[in-house]
Amino acid sequence: MRLALPLACLLGISGAQAGEVDQQAALTALQRDDSLLIDVRSAEEFADGALPGAIRIGHEEIATRIAKLSPDKNRPLVLYCRSGRRSGLAQQSLEELGYSQVINAGAYDELRPLLEAGE
């Protein structure tokens, strides 16, 4: 029993870690015609406002739905949510499935003005 806490820490059971946000890489990837912009927020959040061209797939269902949208595992996938946490979790899921170009763009409210400035 004394090993339970140290073992939990080693295994990362204390909480999921989101992937690092890289907005510059996201902006670069979105300039490519083959990139896919994915909003991993809830349907309610998406209905309140989303980035142009974004497809909504909740972070909890992305692993089961991505193959239909992007069978090419080398296609750039740009993910965003409210804060970057859920997009980081989705990024981790996709990378575990073998997707090689998954970018956590972070927060919707931070990414939106960057995209509008680039238009």
PDB file of N, CA and C in Angstrom:
ATOM      1  N   MET A   1       0.817  -1.189   0.000  1.00  0.00           N
ATOM      2  CA  MET A   1       0.000   0.000   0.000  1.00  0.00           C
ATOM      3  C   MET A   1       0.866   1.259   0.000  1.00  0.00           C
ATOM      4  N   ARG A   2       2.047   1.210   0.626  1.00  0.00           N
ATOM      5  CA  ARG A   2       2.921   2.375   0.659  1.00  0.00           C
ATOM      6  C   ARG A   2       3.402   2.757  -0.732  1.00  0.00           C
ATOM      7  N   LEU A   3       3.396   1.810  -1.637  1.00  0.00           N
ATOM      8  CA  LEU A   3       3.852   2.099  -2.998  1.00  0.00           C
ATOM      9  C   LEU A   3       2.761   2.703  -3.873  1.00  0.00           C
ATOM     10  N   ALA A   4       1.536   2.703  -3.403  1.00  0.00           N
ATOM     11  CA  ALA A   4       0.425   3.161  -4.233  1.00  0.00           C
ATOM     12  C   ALA A   4       0.595   4.613  -4.676  1.00  0.00           C
ATOM     13  N   LEU A   5       0.896   5.525  -3.784  1.00  0.00           N
ATOM     14  CA  LEU A   5       1.028   6.934  -4.149  1.00  0.00           C
ATOM     15  C   LEU A   5       2.217   7.177  -5.077  1.00  0.00           C
ATOM     16  N   PRO A   6       3.418   6.679  -4.754  1.00  0.00           N
ATOM     17  CA  PRO A   6       4.530   6.888  -5.697  1.00  0.00           C
ATOM     18  C   PRO A   6       4.264   6.254  -7.063  1.00  0.00           C
ATOM     19  N   LEU A   7       3.630   5.093  -7.061  1.00  0.00           N
ATOM     20  CA  LEU A   7       3.330   4.436  -8.325  1.00  0.00           C
ATOM     21  C   LEU A   7       2.309   5.257  -9.115  1.00  0.00           C
ATOM     22  N   ALA A   8       1.313   5.796  -8.430  1.00  0.00           N
ATOM     23  CA  ALA A   8       0.310   6.638  -9.092  1.00  0.00           C
ATOM     24  C   ALA A   8       0.976   7.858  -9.723  1.00  0.00           C
ATOM     25  N   CYS A   9       1.926   8.448  -9.028  1.00  0.00           N
ATOM     26  CA  CYS A   9       2.642   9.617  -9.569  1.00  0.00           C
ATOM     27  C   CYS A   9       3.454   9.245 -10.806  1.00  0.00           C
ATOM     28  N   LEU A  10       4.122   8.096 -10.747  1.00  0.00           N
ATOM     29  CA  LEU A  10       4.911   7.646 -11.889  1.00  0.00           C
ATOM     30  C   LEU A  10       4.040   7.358 -13.097  1.00  0.00           C
ATOM     31  N   LEU A  11       2.857   6.826 -12.871  1.00  0.00           N
ATOM     32  CA  LEU A  11       1.967   6.468 -13.961  1.00  0.00           C
ATOM     33  C   LEU A  11       1.126   7.645 -14.441  1.00  0.00           C
ATOM     34  N   GLY A  12       1.210   8.762 -13.752  1.00  0.00           N
ATOM     35  CA  GLY A  12       0.462   9.943 -14.167  1.00  0.00           C
ATOM     36  C   GLY A  12      -1.017   9.862 -13.845  1.00  0.00           C
ATOM     37  N   ILE A  13      -1.382   9.117 -12.835  1.00  0.00           N
ATOM     38  CA  ILE A  13      -2.781   8.961 -12.479  1.00  0.00           C
ATOM     39  C   ILE A  13      -3.321  10.222 -11.822  1.00  0.00           C
ATOM     40  N   SER A  14      -2.481  11.092 -11.404  1.00  0.00           N
ATOM     41  CA  SER A  14      -2.916  12.288 -10.690  1.00  0.00           C
ATOM     42  C   SER A  14      -3.714  13.250 -11.572  1.00  0.00           C
ATOM     43  N   GLY A  15      -3.722  13.084 -12.893  1.00  0.00           N
ATOM     44  CA  GLY A  15      -4.506  13.951 -13.775  1.00  0.00           C
ATOM     45  C   GLY A  15      -3.926  13.952 -15.174  1.00  0.00           C
ATOM     46  N   ALA A  16      -4.793  14.105 -16.160  1.00  0.00           N
ATOM     47  CA  ALA A  16      -4.347  14.125 -17.549  1.00  0.00           C
ATOM     48  C   ALA A  16      -3.654  15.446 -17.853  1.00  0.00           C
ATOM     49  N   GLN A  17      -2.621  15.384 -18.639  1.00  0.00           N
ATOM     50  CA  GLN A  17      -1.878  16.573 -19.030  1.00  0.00           C
ATOM     51  C   GLN A  17      -2.199  16.907 -20.479  1.00  0.00           C
ATOM     52  N   ALA A  18      -2.627  18.111 -20.714  1.00  0.00           N
ATOM     53  CA  ALA A  18      -2.926  18.547 -22.074  1.00  0.00           C
ATOM     54  C   ALA A  18      -1.637  18.806 -22.831  1.00  0.00           C
ATOM     55  N   GLY A  19      -1.705  18.645 -24.156  1.00  0.00           N
ATOM     56  CA  GLY A  19      -0.553  18.920 -24.998  1.00  0.00           C
ATOM     57  C   GLY A  19      -0.257  20.408 -25.028  1.00  0.00           C
ATOM     58  N   GLU A  20       0.969  20.737 -25.358  1.00  0.00           N
ATOM     59  CA  GLU A  20       1.363  22.145 -25.413  1.00  0.00           C
ATOM     60  C   GLU A  20       0.646  22.871 -26.533  1.00  0.00           C
ATOM     61  N   VAL A  21       0.240  24.084 -26.274  1.00  0.00           N
ATOM     62  CA  VAL A  21      -0.406  24.929 -27.269  1.00  0.00           C
ATOM     63  C   VAL A  21       0.663  25.520 -28.179  1.00  0.00           C
ATOM     64  N   ASP A  22       0.417  25.469 -29.490  1.00  0.00           N
ATOM     65  CA  ASP A  22       1.353  26.036 -30.458  1.00  0.00           C
ATOM     66  C   ASP A  22       0.540  26.781 -31.520  1.00  0.00           C
ATOM     67  N   GLN A  23       0.183  28.021 -31.217  1.00  0.00           N
ATOM     68  CA  GLN A  23      -0.661  28.791 -32.122  1.00  0.00           C
ATOM     69  C   GLN A  23       0.049  29.130 -33.424  1.00  0.00           C
ATOM     70  N   GLN A  24       1.351  29.361 -33.388  1.00  0.00           N
ATOM     71  CA  GLN A  24       2.072  29.669 -34.623  1.00  0.00           C
ATOM     72  C   GLN A  24       2.037  28.476 -35.572  1.00  0.00           C
ATOM     73  N   ALA A  25       2.256  27.281 -35.047  1.00  0.00           N
ATOM     74  CA  ALA A  25       2.180  26.074 -35.884  1.00  0.00           C
ATOM     75  C   ALA A  25       0.765  25.894 -36.420  1.00  0.00           C
ATOM     76  N   ALA A  26      -0.230  26.225 -35.613  1.00  0.00           N
ATOM     77  CA  ALA A  26      -1.626  26.120 -36.051  1.00  0.00           C
ATOM     78  C   ALA A  26      -1.898  27.063 -37.216  1.00  0.00           C
ATOM     79  N   LEU A  27      -1.459  28.296 -37.092  1.00  0.00           N
ATOM     80  CA  LEU A  27      -1.668  29.276 -38.158  1.00  0.00           C
ATOM     81  C   LEU A  27      -0.982  28.843 -39.447  1.00  0.00           C
ATOM     82  N   THR A  28       0.208  28.309 -39.317  1.00  0.00           N
ATOM     83  CA  THR A  28       0.944  27.817 -40.490  1.00  0.00           C
ATOM     84  C   THR A  28       0.218  26.644 -41.129  1.00  0.00           C
ATOM     85  N   ALA A  29      -0.222  25.696 -40.324  1.00  0.00           N
ATOM     86  CA  ALA A  29      -0.926  24.519 -40.843  1.00  0.00           C
ATOM     87  C   ALA A  29      -2.227  24.909 -41.526  1.00  0.00           C
ATOM     88  N   LEU A  30      -2.928  25.892 -40.980  1.00  0.00           N
ATOM     89  CA  LEU A  30      -4.206  26.298 -41.551  1.00  0.00           C
ATOM     90  C   LEU A  30      -4.067  26.983 -42.909  1.00  0.00           C
ATOM     91  N   GLN A  31      -2.863  27.358 -43.284  1.00  0.00           N
ATOM     92  CA  GLN A  31      -2.627  27.927 -44.608  1.00  0.00           C
ATOM     93  C   GLN A  31      -2.604  26.842 -45.682  1.00  0.00           C
ATOM     94  N   ARG A  32      -2.469  25.595 -45.254  1.00  0.00           N
ATOM     95  CA  ARG A  32      -2.459  24.474 -46.195  1.00  0.00           C
ATOM     96  C   ARG A  32      -3.890  24.096 -46.571  1.00  0.00           C
ATOM     97  N   ASP A  33      -4.088  23.756 -47.836  1.00  0.00           N
ATOM     98  CA  ASP A  33      -5.417  23.374 -48.317  1.00  0.00           C
ATOM     99  C   ASP A  33      -5.922  22.070 -47.706  1.00  0.00           C
ATOM    100  N   ASP A  34      -5.007  21.212 -47.298  1.00  0.00           N
ATOM    101  CA  ASP A  34      -5.421  19.897 -46.801  1.00  0.00           C
ATOM    102  C   ASP A  34      -5.601  19.847 -45.280  1.00  0.00           C
ATOM    103  N   SER A  35      -5.431  20.981 -44.606  1.00  0.00           N
ATOM    104  CA  SER A  35      -5.577  20.973 -43.146  1.00  0.00           C
ATOM    105  C   SER A  35      -7.046  20.879 -42.753  1.00  0.00           C
ATOM    106  N   LEU A  36      -7.271  20.374 -41.537  1.00  0.00           N
ATOM    107  CA  LEU A  36      -8.620  20.232 -41.004  1.00  0.00           C
ATOM    108  C   LEU A  36      -8.672  20.919 -39.647  1.00  0.00           C
ATOM    109  N   LEU A  37      -9.608  21.852 -39.493  1.00  0.00           N
ATOM    110  CA  LEU A  37      -9.783  22.598 -38.253  1.00  0.00           C
ATOM    111  C   LEU A  37     -10.908  21.946 -37.459  1.00  0.00           C
ATOM    112  N   ILE A  38     -10.594  21.503 -36.238  1.00  0.00           N
ATOM    113  CA  ILE A  38     -11.558  20.766 -35.427  1.00  0.00           C
ATOM    114  C   ILE A  38     -11.779  21.462 -34.094  1.00  0.00           C
ATOM    115  N   ASP A  39     -13.040  21.755 -33.822  1.00  0.00           N
ATOM    116  CA  ASP A  39     -13.474  22.342 -32.558  1.00  0.00           C
ATOM    117  C   ASP A  39     -13.880  21.177 -31.657  1.00  0.00           C
ATOM    118  N   VAL A  40     -13.201  21.001 -30.539  1.00  0.00           N
ATOM    119  CA  VAL A  40     -13.483  19.867 -29.653  1.00  0.00           C
ATOM    120  C   VAL A  40     -14.347  20.268 -28.457  1.00  0.00           C
ATOM    121  N   ARG A  41     -14.966  21.450 -28.527  1.00  0.00           N
ATOM    122  CA  ARG A  41     -15.844  21.904 -27.456  1.00  0.00           C
ATOM    123  C   ARG A  41     -17.200  21.201 -27.549  1.00  0.00           C
ATOM    124  N   SER A  42     -18.066  21.511 -26.592  1.00  0.00           N
ATOM    125  CA  SER A  42     -19.411  20.942 -26.575  1.00  0.00           C
ATOM    126  C   SER A  42     -20.250  21.540 -27.707  1.00  0.00           C
ATOM    127  N   ALA A  43     -21.362  20.877 -28.007  1.00  0.00           N
ATOM    128  CA  ALA A  43     -22.273  21.376 -29.039  1.00  0.00           C
ATOM    129  C   ALA A  43     -22.811  22.756 -28.664  1.00  0.00           C
ATOM    130  N   GLU A  44     -23.059  22.982 -27.389  1.00  0.00           N
ATOM    131  CA  GLU A  44     -23.557  24.272 -26.930  1.00  0.00           C
ATOM    132  C   GLU A  44     -22.527  25.373 -27.149  1.00  0.00           C
ATOM    133  N   GLU A  45     -21.278  25.085 -26.817  1.00  0.00           N
ATOM    134  CA  GLU A  45     -20.210  26.073 -27.025  1.00  0.00           C
ATOM    135  C   GLU A  45     -20.052  26.374 -28.520  1.00  0.00           C
ATOM    136  N   PHE A  46     -20.093  25.337 -29.334  1.00  0.00           N
ATOM    137  CA  PHE A  46     -19.953  25.489 -30.786  1.00  0.00           C
ATOM    138  C   PHE A  46     -21.082  26.360 -31.331  1.00  0.00           C
ATOM    139  N   ALA A  47     -22.310  26.138 -30.841  1.00  0.00           N
ATOM    140  CA  ALA A  47     -23.463  26.911 -31.300  1.00  0.00           C
ATOM    141  C   ALA A  47     -23.343  28.389 -30.939  1.00  0.00           C
ATOM    142  N   ASP A  48     -22.631  28.677 -29.855  1.00  0.00           N
ATOM    143  CA  ASP A  48     -22.441  30.067 -29.432  1.00  0.00           C
ATOM    144  C   ASP A  48     -21.409  30.804 -30.281  1.00  0.00           C
ATOM    145  N   GLY A  49     -20.651  30.084 -31.074  1.00  0.00           N
ATOM    146  CA  GLY A  49     -19.649  30.697 -31.936  1.00  0.00           C
ATOM    147  C   GLY A  49     -18.513  29.737 -32.205  1.00  0.00           C
ATOM    148  N   ALA A  50     -18.107  29.675 -33.457  1.00  0.00           N
ATOM    149  CA  ALA A  50     -17.021  28.780 -33.856  1.00  0.00           C
ATOM    150  C   ALA A  50     -16.190  29.470 -34.931  1.00  0.00           C
ATOM    151  N   LEU A  51     -15.005  28.962 -35.142  1.00  0.00           N
ATOM    152  CA  LEU A  51     -14.140  29.514 -36.170  1.00  0.00           C
ATOM    153  C   LEU A  51     -14.636  29.085 -37.544  1.00  0.00           C
ATOM    154  N   PRO A  52     -14.523  29.953 -38.538  1.00  0.00           N
ATOM    155  CA  PRO A  52     -14.978  29.611 -39.890  1.00  0.00           C
ATOM    156  C   PRO A  52     -14.291  28.339 -40.409  1.00  0.00           C
ATOM    157  N   GLY A  53     -15.099  27.442 -40.931  1.00  0.00           N
ATOM    158  CA  GLY A  53     -14.577  26.204 -41.492  1.00  0.00           C
ATOM    159  C   GLY A  53     -14.341  25.093 -40.490  1.00  0.00           C
ATOM    160  N   ALA A  54     -14.580  25.358 -39.223  1.00  0.00           N
ATOM    161  CA  ALA A  54     -14.341  24.340 -38.192  1.00  0.00           C
ATOM    162  C   ALA A  54     -15.416  23.270 -38.212  1.00  0.00           C
ATOM    163  N   ILE A  55     -14.987  22.059 -37.924  1.00  0.00           N
ATOM    164  CA  ILE A  55     -15.871  20.917 -37.754  1.00  0.00           C
ATOM    165  C   ILE A  55     -15.879  20.599 -36.268  1.00  0.00           C
ATOM    166  N   ARG A  56     -17.066  20.340 -35.696  1.00  0.00           N
ATOM    167  CA  ARG A  56     -17.133  20.033 -34.270  1.00  0.00           C
ATOM    168  C   ARG A  56     -17.133  18.529 -34.041  1.00  0.00           C
ATOM    169  N   ILE A  57     -16.164  18.095 -33.253  1.00  0.00           N
ATOM    170  CA  ILE A  57     -16.116  16.723 -32.746  1.00  0.00           C
ATOM    171  C   ILE A  57     -15.696  16.848 -31.286  1.00  0.00           C
ATOM    172  N   GLY A  58     -16.554  16.459 -30.381  1.00  0.00           N
ATOM    173  CA  GLY A  58     -16.207  16.535 -28.970  1.00  0.00           C
ATOM    174  C   GLY A  58     -14.936  15.767 -28.658  1.00  0.00           C
ATOM    175  N   HIS A  59     -14.146  16.274 -27.738  1.00  0.00           N
ATOM    176  CA  HIS A  59     -12.866  15.632 -27.434  1.00  0.00           C
ATOM    177  C   HIS A  59     -13.040  14.190 -26.992  1.00  0.00           C
ATOM    178  N   GLU A  60     -14.179  13.883 -26.350  1.00  0.00           N
ATOM    179  CA  GLU A  60     -14.398  12.541 -25.849  1.00  0.00           C
ATOM    180  C   GLU A  60     -14.779  11.550 -26.949  1.00  0.00           C
ATOM    181  N   GLU A  61     -15.139  12.043 -28.130  1.00  0.00           N
ATOM    182  CA  GLU A  61     -15.541  11.161 -29.225  1.00  0.00           C
ATOM    183  C   GLU A  61     -14.607  11.228 -30.435  1.00  0.00           C
ATOM    184  N   ILE A  62     -13.556  12.007 -30.344  1.00  0.00           N
ATOM    185  CA  ILE A  62     -12.697  12.210 -31.515  1.00  0.00           C
ATOM    186  C   ILE A  62     -12.014  10.924 -31.978  1.00  0.00           C
ATOM    187  N   ALA A  63     -11.623  10.076 -31.049  1.00  0.00           N
ATOM    188  CA  ALA A  63     -10.923   8.848 -31.416  1.00  0.00           C
ATOM    189  C   ALA A  63     -11.802   7.914 -32.249  1.00  0.00           C
ATOM    190  N   THR A  64     -13.097   7.936 -32.010  1.00  0.00           N
ATOM    191  CA  THR A  64     -13.995   7.044 -32.743  1.00  0.00           C
ATOM    192  C   THR A  64     -14.512   7.655 -34.037  1.00  0.00           C
ATOM    193  N   ARG A  65     -14.400   8.970 -34.203  1.00  0.00           N
ATOM    194  CA  ARG A  65     -14.962   9.628 -35.384  1.00  0.00           C
ATOM    195  C   ARG A  65     -13.936  10.127 -36.389  1.00  0.00           C
ATOM    196  N   ILE A  66     -12.681  10.230 -36.008  1.00  0.00           N
ATOM    197  CA  ILE A  66     -11.692  10.877 -36.868  1.00  0.00           C
ATOM    198  C   ILE A  66     -11.405  10.111 -38.159  1.00  0.00           C
ATOM    199  N   ALA A  67     -11.434   8.798 -38.127  1.00  0.00           N
ATOM    200  CA  ALA A  67     -11.069   8.020 -39.313  1.00  0.00           C
ATOM    201  C   ALA A  67     -11.965   8.318 -40.509  1.00  0.00           C
ATOM    202  N   LYS A  68     -13.236   8.614 -40.270  1.00  0.00           N
ATOM    203  CA  LYS A  68     -14.134   8.944 -41.385  1.00  0.00           C
ATOM    204  C   LYS A  68     -13.800  10.300 -41.994  1.00  0.00           C
ATOM    205  N   LEU A  69     -13.376  11.236 -41.158  1.00  0.00           N
ATOM    206  CA  LEU A  69     -13.050  12.578 -41.648  1.00  0.00           C
ATOM    207  C   LEU A  69     -11.646  12.666 -42.222  1.00  0.00           C
ATOM    208  N   SER A  70     -10.747  11.929 -41.623  1.00  0.00           N
ATOM    209  CA  SER A  70      -9.354  12.003 -42.051  1.00  0.00           C
ATOM    210  C   SER A  70      -8.683  10.634 -41.975  1.00  0.00           C
ATOM    211  N   PRO A  71      -8.882   9.824 -43.001  1.00  0.00           N
ATOM    212  CA  PRO A  71      -8.183   8.535 -43.006  1.00  0.00           C
ATOM    213  C   PRO A  71      -6.667   8.698 -43.183  1.00  0.00           C
ATOM    214  N   ASP A  72      -6.254   9.850 -43.733  1.00  0.00           N
ATOM    215  CA  ASP A  72      -4.830  10.149 -43.925  1.00  0.00           C
ATOM    216  C   ASP A  72      -4.237  10.605 -42.594  1.00  0.00           C
ATOM    217  N   LYS A  73      -3.396   9.794 -42.005  1.00  0.00           N
ATOM    218  CA  LYS A  73      -2.820  10.108 -40.694  1.00  0.00           C
ATOM    219  C   LYS A  73      -1.702  11.148 -40.767  1.00  0.00           C
ATOM    220  N   ASN A  74      -1.366  11.591 -41.974  1.00  0.00           N
ATOM    221  CA  ASN A  74      -0.366  12.647 -42.132  1.00  0.00           C
ATOM    222  C   ASN A  74      -0.999  14.000 -42.434  1.00  0.00           C
ATOM    223  N   ARG A  75      -2.311  14.061 -42.463  1.00  0.00           N
ATOM    224  CA  ARG A  75      -3.026  15.309 -42.714  1.00  0.00           C
ATOM    225  C   ARG A  75      -2.907  16.220 -41.494  1.00  0.00           C
ATOM    226  N   PRO A  76      -2.644  17.514 -41.696  1.00  0.00           N
ATOM    227  CA  PRO A  76      -2.576  18.428 -40.551  1.00  0.00           C
ATOM    228  C   PRO A  76      -3.951  18.585 -39.894  1.00  0.00           C
ATOM    229  N   LEU A  77      -4.015  18.324 -38.601  1.00  0.00           N
ATOM    230  CA  LEU A  77      -5.238  18.461 -37.816  1.00  0.00           C
ATOM    231  C   LEU A  77      -4.999  19.533 -36.765  1.00  0.00           C
ATOM    232  N   VAL A  78      -5.769  20.603 -36.823  1.00  0.00           N
ATOM    233  CA  VAL A  78      -5.634  21.720 -35.895  1.00  0.00           C
ATOM    234  C   VAL A  78      -6.837  21.684 -34.953  1.00  0.00           C
ATOM    235  N   LEU A  79      -6.571  21.566 -33.666  1.00  0.00           N
ATOM    236  CA  LEU A  79      -7.612  21.415 -32.655  1.00  0.00           C
ATOM    237  C   LEU A  79      -7.684  22.650 -31.771  1.00  0.00           C
ATOM    238  N   TYR A  80      -8.903  23.015 -31.374  1.00  0.00           N
ATOM    239  CA  TYR A  80      -9.056  24.098 -30.399  1.00  0.00           C
ATOM    240  C   TYR A  80     -10.255  23.827 -29.506  1.00  0.00           C
ATOM    241  N   CYS A  81     -10.279  24.504 -28.368  1.00  0.00           N
ATOM    242  CA  CYS A  81     -11.387  24.397 -27.412  1.00  0.00           C
ATOM    243  C   CYS A  81     -11.510  25.733 -26.678  1.00  0.00           C
ATOM    244  N   ARG A  82     -11.964  25.723 -25.450  1.00  0.00           N
ATOM    245  CA  ARG A  82     -12.120  26.966 -24.696  1.00  0.00           C
ATOM    246  C   ARG A  82     -10.802  27.432 -24.089  1.00  0.00           C
ATOM    247  N   SER A  83      -9.998  26.487 -23.592  1.00  0.00           N
ATOM    248  CA  SER A  83      -8.779  26.870 -22.886  1.00  0.00           C
ATOM    249  C   SER A  83      -7.506  26.205 -23.414  1.00  0.00           C
ATOM    250  N   GLY A  84      -7.646  25.142 -24.164  1.00  0.00           N
ATOM    251  CA  GLY A  84      -6.489  24.369 -24.627  1.00  0.00           C
ATOM    252  C   GLY A  84      -6.388  23.016 -23.956  1.00  0.00           C
ATOM    253  N   ARG A  85      -7.118  22.804 -22.870  1.00  0.00           N
ATOM    254  CA  ARG A  85      -7.047  21.535 -22.148  1.00  0.00           C
ATOM    255  C   ARG A  85      -7.689  20.394 -22.940  1.00  0.00           C
ATOM    256  N   ARG A  86      -8.924  20.579 -23.375  1.00  0.00           N
ATOM    257  CA  ARG A  86      -9.610  19.510 -24.121  1.00  0.00           C
ATOM    258  C   ARG A  86      -8.949  19.260 -25.467  1.00  0.00           C
ATOM    259  N   SER A  87      -8.467  20.306 -26.110  1.00  0.00           N
ATOM    260  CA  SER A  87      -7.766  20.093 -27.378  1.00  0.00           C
ATOM    261  C   SER A  87      -6.460  19.343 -27.148  1.00  0.00           C
ATOM    262  N   GLY A  88      -5.842  19.550 -25.993  1.00  0.00           N
ATOM    263  CA  GLY A  88      -4.644  18.781 -25.644  1.00  0.00           C
ATOM    264  C   GLY A  88      -4.956  17.315 -25.415  1.00  0.00           C
ATOM    265  N   LEU A  89      -6.076  17.044 -24.767  1.00  0.00           N
ATOM    266  CA  LEU A  89      -6.495  15.651 -24.558  1.00  0.00           C
ATOM    267  C   LEU A  89      -6.814  14.984 -25.896  1.00  0.00           C
ATOM    268  N   ALA A  90      -7.496  15.715 -26.773  1.00  0.00           N
ATOM    269  CA  ALA A  90      -7.814  15.184 -28.097  1.00  0.00           C
ATOM    270  C   ALA A  90      -6.535  14.955 -28.901  1.00  0.00           C
ATOM    271  N   GLN A  91      -5.585  15.863 -28.781  1.00  0.00           N
ATOM    272  CA  GLN A  91      -4.297  15.712 -29.461  1.00  0.00           C
ATOM    273  C   GLN A  91      -3.617  14.420 -29.019  1.00  0.00           C
ATOM    274  N   GLN A  92      -3.601  14.182 -27.740  1.00  0.00           N
ATOM    275  CA  GLN A  92      -2.987  12.967 -27.210  1.00  0.00           C
ATOM    276  C   GLN A  92      -3.682  11.720 -27.765  1.00  0.00           C
ATOM    277  N   SER A  93      -5.000  11.726 -27.804  1.00  0.00           N
ATOM    278  CA  SER A  93      -5.747  10.587 -28.350  1.00  0.00           C
ATOM    279  C   SER A  93      -5.401  10.331 -29.808  1.00  0.00           C
ATOM    280  N   LEU A  94      -5.343  11.402 -30.590  1.00  0.00           N
ATOM    281  CA  LEU A  94      -5.044  11.262 -32.011  1.00  0.00           C
ATOM    282  C   LEU A  94      -3.609  10.786 -32.243  1.00  0.00           C
ATOM    283  N   GLU A  95      -2.682  11.297 -31.468  1.00  0.00           N
ATOM    284  CA  GLU A  95      -1.293  10.860 -31.610  1.00  0.00           C
ATOM    285  C   GLU A  95      -1.149   9.388 -31.244  1.00  0.00           C
ATOM    286  N   GLU A  96      -1.900   8.935 -30.251  1.00  0.00           N
ATOM    287  CA  GLU A  96      -1.885   7.520 -29.887  1.00  0.00           C
ATOM    288  C   GLU A  96      -2.441   6.646 -31.007  1.00  0.00           C
ATOM    289  N   LEU A  97      -3.316   7.210 -31.841  1.00  0.00           N
ATOM    290  CA  LEU A  97      -3.865   6.488 -32.993  1.00  0.00           C
ATOM    291  C   LEU A  97      -2.932   6.539 -34.203  1.00  0.00           C
ATOM    292  N   GLY A  98      -1.841   7.291 -34.102  1.00  0.00           N
ATOM    293  CA  GLY A  98      -0.865   7.352 -35.180  1.00  0.00           C
ATOM    294  C   GLY A  98      -0.922   8.587 -36.053  1.00  0.00           C
ATOM    295  N   TYR A  99      -1.755   9.565 -35.694  1.00  0.00           N
ATOM    296  CA  TYR A  99      -1.794  10.814 -36.458  1.00  0.00           C
ATOM    297  C   TYR A  99      -0.530  11.608 -36.138  1.00  0.00           C
ATOM    298  N   SER A 100       0.153  12.062 -37.195  1.00  0.00           N
ATOM    299  CA  SER A 100       1.486  12.640 -37.002  1.00  0.00           C
ATOM    300  C   SER A 100       1.528  14.163 -36.991  1.00  0.00           C
ATOM    301  N   GLN A 101       0.495  14.822 -37.488  1.00  0.00           N
ATOM    302  CA  GLN A 101       0.512  16.287 -37.569  1.00  0.00           C
ATOM    303  C   GLN A 101      -0.689  16.866 -36.834  1.00  0.00           C
ATOM    304  N   VAL A 102      -0.717  16.658 -35.537  1.00  0.00           N
ATOM    305  CA  VAL A 102      -1.817  17.143 -34.712  1.00  0.00           C
ATOM    306  C   VAL A 102      -1.317  18.344 -33.916  1.00  0.00           C
ATOM    307  N   ILE A 103      -2.025  19.453 -34.022  1.00  0.00           N
ATOM    308  CA  ILE A 103      -1.590  20.691 -33.385  1.00  0.00           C
ATOM    309  C   ILE A 103      -2.671  21.184 -32.435  1.00  0.00           C
ATOM    310  N   ASN A 104      -2.280  21.471 -31.218  1.00  0.00           N
ATOM    311  CA  ASN A 104      -3.177  22.062 -30.230  1.00  0.00           C
ATOM    312  C   ASN A 104      -3.087  23.570 -30.396  1.00  0.00           C
ATOM    313  N   ALA A 105      -4.152  24.158 -30.961  1.00  0.00           N
ATOM    314  CA  ALA A 105      -4.167  25.602 -31.194  1.00  0.00           C
ATOM    315  C   ALA A 105      -4.615  26.384 -29.965  1.00  0.00           C
ATOM    316  N   GLY A 106      -5.071  25.678 -28.948  1.00  0.00           N
ATOM    317  CA  GLY A 106      -5.419  26.345 -27.706  1.00  0.00           C
ATOM    318  C   GLY A 106      -6.832  26.870 -27.668  1.00  0.00           C
ATOM    319  N   ALA A 107      -6.965  28.071 -27.119  1.00  0.00           N
ATOM    320  CA  ALA A 107      -8.271  28.653 -26.804  1.00  0.00           C
ATOM    321  C   ALA A 107      -8.907  29.357 -27.999  1.00  0.00           C
ATOM    322  N   TYR A 108     -10.196  29.128 -28.157  1.00  0.00           N
ATOM    323  CA  TYR A 108     -10.997  29.774 -29.199  1.00  0.00           C
ATOM    324  C   TYR A 108     -10.856  31.294 -29.146  1.00  0.00           C
ATOM    325  N   ASP A 109     -11.009  31.873 -27.950  1.00  0.00           N
ATOM    326  CA  ASP A 109     -10.959  33.332 -27.817  1.00  0.00           C
ATOM    327  C   ASP A 109      -9.588  33.922 -28.138  1.00  0.00           C
ATOM    328  N   GLU A 110      -8.538  33.129 -28.034  1.00  0.00           N
ATOM    329  CA  GLU A 110      -7.192  33.610 -28.384  1.00  0.00           C
ATOM    330  C   GLU A 110      -6.877  33.374 -29.855  1.00  0.00           C
ATOM    331  N   LEU A 111      -7.425  32.299 -30.411  1.00  0.00           N
ATOM    332  CA  LEU A 111      -7.141  31.960 -31.809  1.00  0.00           C
ATOM    333  C   LEU A 111      -7.956  32.809 -32.784  1.00  0.00           C
ATOM    334  N   ARG A 112      -9.193  33.121 -32.435  1.00  0.00           N
ATOM    335  CA  ARG A 112     -10.083  33.872 -33.321  1.00  0.00           C
ATOM    336  C   ARG A 112      -9.464  35.192 -33.800  1.00  0.00           C
ATOM    337  N   PRO A 113      -8.960  36.060 -32.913  1.00  0.00           N
ATOM    338  CA  PRO A 113      -8.378  37.317 -33.428  1.00  0.00           C
ATOM    339  C   PRO A 113      -7.139  37.098 -34.292  1.00  0.00           C
ATOM    340  N   LEU A 114      -6.381  36.067 -34.028  1.00  0.00           N
ATOM    341  CA  LEU A 114      -5.202  35.775 -34.858  1.00  0.00           C
ATOM    342  C   LEU A 114      -5.616  35.395 -36.264  1.00  0.00           C
ATOM    343  N   LEU A 115      -6.676  34.598 -36.370  1.00  0.00           N
ATOM    344  CA  LEU A 115      -7.163  34.208 -37.693  1.00  0.00           C
ATOM    345  C   LEU A 115      -7.793  35.392 -38.418  1.00  0.00           C
ATOM    346  N   GLU A 116      -8.529  36.217 -37.686  1.00  0.00           N
ATOM    347  CA  GLU A 116      -9.138  37.396 -38.303  1.00  0.00           C
ATOM    348  C   GLU A 116      -8.081  38.373 -38.792  1.00  0.00           C
ATOM    349  N   ALA A 117      -6.992  38.508 -38.082  1.00  0.00           N
ATOM    350  CA  ALA A 117      -5.907  39.406 -38.480  1.00  0.00           C
ATOM    351  C   ALA A 117      -5.218  38.916 -39.738  1.00  0.00           C
ATOM    352  N   GLY A 118      -5.209  37.591 -39.945  1.00  0.00           N
ATOM    353  CA  GLY A 118      -4.540  37.012 -41.106  1.00  0.00           C
ATOM    354  C   GLY A 118      -5.394  36.969 -42.360  1.00  0.00           C
ATOM    355  N   GLU A 119      -6.656  37.351 -42.245  1.00  0.00           N
ATOM    356  CA  GLU A 119      -7.548  37.296 -43.410  1.00  0.00           C
ATOM    357  C   GLU A 119      -7.275  38.398 -44.392  1.00  0.00           C
TER     358      GLU A 119
END
